[in-house]
């Protein structure tokens, strides 16, 4: 049986999806405000991207009291898992260890993140006592 294909968003589409996942349901104005807080982007650019994602079936629109609100048809966890799998297999030859060492071996990882990872790893290893 063939594996179900997950939509592969572009970088700009992923920014919109992340905003929608956080705000659902989200207006174009709210999506624009979320994205423009971190980068210079025009309202009409965001509007056009939202329209394209709706045409592709990635977003669905509902009209409530005259407001156009958008929801994602994709689960955030599915899209993220697909992106991680793609990077894992294309850049790290399937080695999760190499990928994690590369990701954690930079100055951006905080002590709190490392402690949370240690706690998670400890939970994954069965207690042999």
C-alpha atoms as a PDB file:
ATOM      1  CA  UNK A   1       0.000   0.000   0.000  1.00  0.00           C
ATOM      2  CA  UNK A   2       1.366   3.431  -0.941  1.00  0.00           C
ATOM      3  CA  UNK A   3       2.268   5.865   1.815  1.00  0.00           C
ATOM      4  CA  UNK A   4      -0.106   8.840   2.080  1.00  0.00           C
ATOM      5  CA  UNK A   5       1.436  11.981   0.613  1.00  0.00           C
ATOM      6  CA  UNK A   6       1.598  14.979   2.921  1.00  0.00           C
ATOM      7  CA  UNK A   7       1.483  18.453   1.424  1.00  0.00           C
ATOM      8  CA  UNK A   8       4.933  20.020   1.221  1.00  0.00           C
ATOM      9  CA  UNK A   9       4.533  23.736   1.941  1.00  0.00           C
ATOM     10  CA  UNK A  10       6.965  26.342   0.712  1.00  0.00           C
ATOM     11  CA  UNK A  11       8.693  28.473   3.339  1.00  0.00           C
ATOM     12  CA  UNK A  12       6.134  31.278   2.872  1.00  0.00           C
ATOM     13  CA  UNK A  13       3.228  28.831   3.035  1.00  0.00           C
ATOM     14  CA  UNK A  14       4.639  27.298   6.206  1.00  0.00           C
ATOM     15  CA  UNK A  15       4.725  30.731   7.838  1.00  0.00           C
ATOM     16  CA  UNK A  16       1.035  31.147   7.036  1.00  0.00           C
ATOM     17  CA  UNK A  17       0.217  27.657   8.271  1.00  0.00           C
ATOM     18  CA  UNK A  18       2.051  28.277  11.547  1.00  0.00           C
ATOM     19  CA  UNK A  19       0.026  31.456  12.081  1.00  0.00           C
ATOM     20  CA  UNK A  20      -3.225  29.653  11.257  1.00  0.00           C
ATOM     21  CA  UNK A  21      -2.398  26.752  13.609  1.00  0.00           C
ATOM     22  CA  UNK A  22      -1.791  29.234  16.432  1.00  0.00           C
ATOM     23  CA  UNK A  23      -4.868  31.373  15.811  1.00  0.00           C
ATOM     24  CA  UNK A  24      -7.516  29.039  14.337  1.00  0.00           C
ATOM     25  CA  UNK A  25      -9.852  30.223  13.130  1.00  0.00           C
ATOM     26  CA  UNK A  26      -7.836  33.100  11.710  1.00  0.00           C
ATOM     27  CA  UNK A  27      -8.632  36.103   9.576  1.00  0.00           C
ATOM     28  CA  UNK A  28      -6.210  37.271   6.894  1.00  0.00           C
ATOM     29  CA  UNK A  29      -5.602  40.400   9.000  1.00  0.00           C
ATOM     30  CA  UNK A  30      -4.618  38.308  12.039  1.00  0.00           C
ATOM     31  CA  UNK A  31      -2.351  36.098   9.904  1.00  0.00           C
ATOM     32  CA  UNK A  32      -0.763  39.195   8.367  1.00  0.00           C
ATOM     33  CA  UNK A  33      -0.179  40.787  11.782  1.00  0.00           C
ATOM     34  CA  UNK A  34       1.444  37.623  13.124  1.00  0.00           C
ATOM     35  CA  UNK A  35       3.796  37.286  10.140  1.00  0.00           C
ATOM     36  CA  UNK A  36       4.573  41.003   9.754  1.00  0.00           C
ATOM     37  CA  UNK A  37       5.652  41.195  13.400  1.00  0.00           C
ATOM     38  CA  UNK A  38       8.761  39.248  12.391  1.00  0.00           C
ATOM     39  CA  UNK A  39       9.390  40.316   8.805  1.00  0.00           C
ATOM     40  CA  UNK A  40       8.529  42.907   6.211  1.00  0.00           C
ATOM     41  CA  UNK A  41       5.622  41.553   4.174  1.00  0.00           C
ATOM     42  CA  UNK A  42       2.648  43.189   2.504  1.00  0.00           C
ATOM     43  CA  UNK A  43      -0.969  42.502   3.377  1.00  0.00           C
ATOM     44  CA  UNK A  44      -1.857  41.710  -0.233  1.00  0.00           C
ATOM     45  CA  UNK A  45       0.988  39.177  -0.408  1.00  0.00           C
ATOM     46  CA  UNK A  46      -0.399  37.339   2.610  1.00  0.00           C
ATOM     47  CA  UNK A  47      -3.933  37.583   1.208  1.00  0.00           C
ATOM     48  CA  UNK A  48      -2.846  36.066  -2.121  1.00  0.00           C
ATOM     49  CA  UNK A  49      -0.994  33.228  -0.374  1.00  0.00           C
ATOM     50  CA  UNK A  50      -4.048  32.489   1.776  1.00  0.00           C
ATOM     51  CA  UNK A  51      -6.221  32.428  -1.355  1.00  0.00           C
ATOM     52  CA  UNK A  52      -3.803  30.033  -3.080  1.00  0.00           C
ATOM     53  CA  UNK A  53      -3.669  27.739  -0.052  1.00  0.00           C
ATOM     54  CA  UNK A  54      -7.465  27.719  -0.019  1.00  0.00           C
ATOM     55  CA  UNK A  55      -7.563  26.829  -3.734  1.00  0.00           C
ATOM     56  CA  UNK A  56      -5.115  23.971  -3.063  1.00  0.00           C
ATOM     57  CA  UNK A  57      -7.344  22.673  -0.255  1.00  0.00           C
ATOM     58  CA  UNK A  58      -4.743  23.328   2.436  1.00  0.00           C
ATOM     59  CA  UNK A  59      -6.937  25.954   4.097  1.00  0.00           C
ATOM     60  CA  UNK A  60     -10.688  26.062   4.323  1.00  0.00           C
ATOM     61  CA  UNK A  61     -12.680  29.248   4.606  1.00  0.00           C
ATOM     62  CA  UNK A  62     -15.752  29.846   6.720  1.00  0.00           C
ATOM     63  CA  UNK A  63     -17.774  33.039   6.693  1.00  0.00           C
ATOM     64  CA  UNK A  64     -19.049  34.046  10.123  1.00  0.00           C
ATOM     65  CA  UNK A  65     -20.926  37.332  10.572  1.00  0.00           C
ATOM     66  CA  UNK A  66     -19.342  38.632   7.365  1.00  0.00           C
ATOM     67  CA  UNK A  67     -15.803  37.728   8.489  1.00  0.00           C
ATOM     68  CA  UNK A  68     -13.735  35.311   6.432  1.00  0.00           C
ATOM     69  CA  UNK A  69     -11.963  32.922   8.788  1.00  0.00           C
ATOM     70  CA  UNK A  70      -9.512  30.192   7.832  1.00  0.00           C
ATOM     71  CA  UNK A  71      -8.642  26.800   9.260  1.00  0.00           C
ATOM     72  CA  UNK A  72      -5.981  24.360   8.174  1.00  0.00           C
ATOM     73  CA  UNK A  73      -7.039  21.050   6.670  1.00  0.00           C
ATOM     74  CA  UNK A  74      -3.642  19.639   7.673  1.00  0.00           C
ATOM     75  CA  UNK A  75      -2.553  18.603  11.137  1.00  0.00           C
ATOM     76  CA  UNK A  76       0.468  20.521  12.355  1.00  0.00           C
ATOM     77  CA  UNK A  77       2.092  17.331  13.661  1.00  0.00           C
ATOM     78  CA  UNK A  78       1.766  15.613  10.253  1.00  0.00           C
ATOM     79  CA  UNK A  79       3.398  18.490   8.371  1.00  0.00           C
ATOM     80  CA  UNK A  80       6.218  18.805  10.908  1.00  0.00           C
ATOM     81  CA  UNK A  81       6.836  15.052  10.904  1.00  0.00           C
ATOM     82  CA  UNK A  82       7.003  15.037   7.120  1.00  0.00           C
ATOM     83  CA  UNK A  83       9.498  17.920   7.108  1.00  0.00           C
ATOM     84  CA  UNK A  84      11.664  16.224   9.759  1.00  0.00           C
ATOM     85  CA  UNK A  85      11.580  12.923   7.857  1.00  0.00           C
ATOM     86  CA  UNK A  86      12.597  14.669   4.644  1.00  0.00           C
ATOM     87  CA  UNK A  87      15.578  16.397   6.289  1.00  0.00           C
ATOM     88  CA  UNK A  88      16.520  13.233   8.185  1.00  0.00           C
ATOM     89  CA  UNK A  89      16.707  11.164   5.014  1.00  0.00           C
ATOM     90  CA  UNK A  90      18.114  13.753   2.610  1.00  0.00           C
ATOM     91  CA  UNK A  91      20.702  15.501   4.797  1.00  0.00           C
ATOM     92  CA  UNK A  92      21.574  12.897   7.427  1.00  0.00           C
ATOM     93  CA  UNK A  93      21.184   9.584   5.560  1.00  0.00           C
ATOM     94  CA  UNK A  94      18.476   8.500   7.987  1.00  0.00           C
ATOM     95  CA  UNK A  95      20.590   8.958  11.140  1.00  0.00           C
ATOM     96  CA  UNK A  96      18.483  10.580  13.851  1.00  0.00           C
ATOM     97  CA  UNK A  97      21.555  10.686  16.088  1.00  0.00           C
ATOM     98  CA  UNK A  98      23.565  12.709  13.553  1.00  0.00           C
ATOM     99  CA  UNK A  99      20.634  15.050  13.018  1.00  0.00           C
ATOM    100  CA  UNK A 100      20.090  15.617  16.739  1.00  0.00           C
ATOM    101  CA  UNK A 101      23.803  16.098  17.441  1.00  0.00           C
ATOM    102  CA  UNK A 102      23.962  18.645  14.638  1.00  0.00           C
ATOM    103  CA  UNK A 103      20.835  20.445  15.854  1.00  0.00           C
ATOM    104  CA  UNK A 104      21.908  20.492  19.504  1.00  0.00           C
ATOM    105  CA  UNK A 105      25.580  21.189  18.866  1.00  0.00           C
ATOM    106  CA  UNK A 106      25.130  24.902  18.378  1.00  0.00           C
ATOM    107  CA  UNK A 107      25.034  27.843  20.740  1.00  0.00           C
ATOM    108  CA  UNK A 108      21.269  28.273  20.340  1.00  0.00           C
ATOM    109  CA  UNK A 109      20.373  25.311  22.569  1.00  0.00           C
ATOM    110  CA  UNK A 110      19.588  26.454  26.102  1.00  0.00           C
ATOM    111  CA  UNK A 111      20.416  24.622  29.319  1.00  0.00           C
ATOM    112  CA  UNK A 112      16.675  24.217  29.934  1.00  0.00           C
ATOM    113  CA  UNK A 113      16.198  22.587  26.528  1.00  0.00           C
ATOM    114  CA  UNK A 114      19.061  20.181  27.166  1.00  0.00           C
ATOM    115  CA  UNK A 115      17.637  19.262  30.581  1.00  0.00           C
ATOM    116  CA  UNK A 116      14.196  18.683  29.020  1.00  0.00           C
ATOM    117  CA  UNK A 117      15.812  16.465  26.373  1.00  0.00           C
ATOM    118  CA  UNK A 118      17.677  14.501  29.068  1.00  0.00           C
ATOM    119  CA  UNK A 119      14.422  13.981  30.969  1.00  0.00           C
ATOM    120  CA  UNK A 120      12.695  12.822  27.769  1.00  0.00           C
ATOM    121  CA  UNK A 121      15.558  10.431  26.940  1.00  0.00           C
ATOM    122  CA  UNK A 122      15.490   9.018  30.473  1.00  0.00           C
ATOM    123  CA  UNK A 123      11.795   8.256  29.996  1.00  0.00           C
ATOM    124  CA  UNK A 124      12.501   6.449  26.704  1.00  0.00           C
ATOM    125  CA  UNK A 125      15.023   4.060  28.212  1.00  0.00           C
ATOM    126  CA  UNK A 126      13.325   1.248  30.151  1.00  0.00           C
ATOM    127  CA  UNK A 127      14.364   0.866  33.783  1.00  0.00           C
ATOM    128  CA  UNK A 128      16.282  -2.433  34.101  1.00  0.00           C
ATOM    129  CA  UNK A 129      16.089  -2.637  37.898  1.00  0.00           C
END
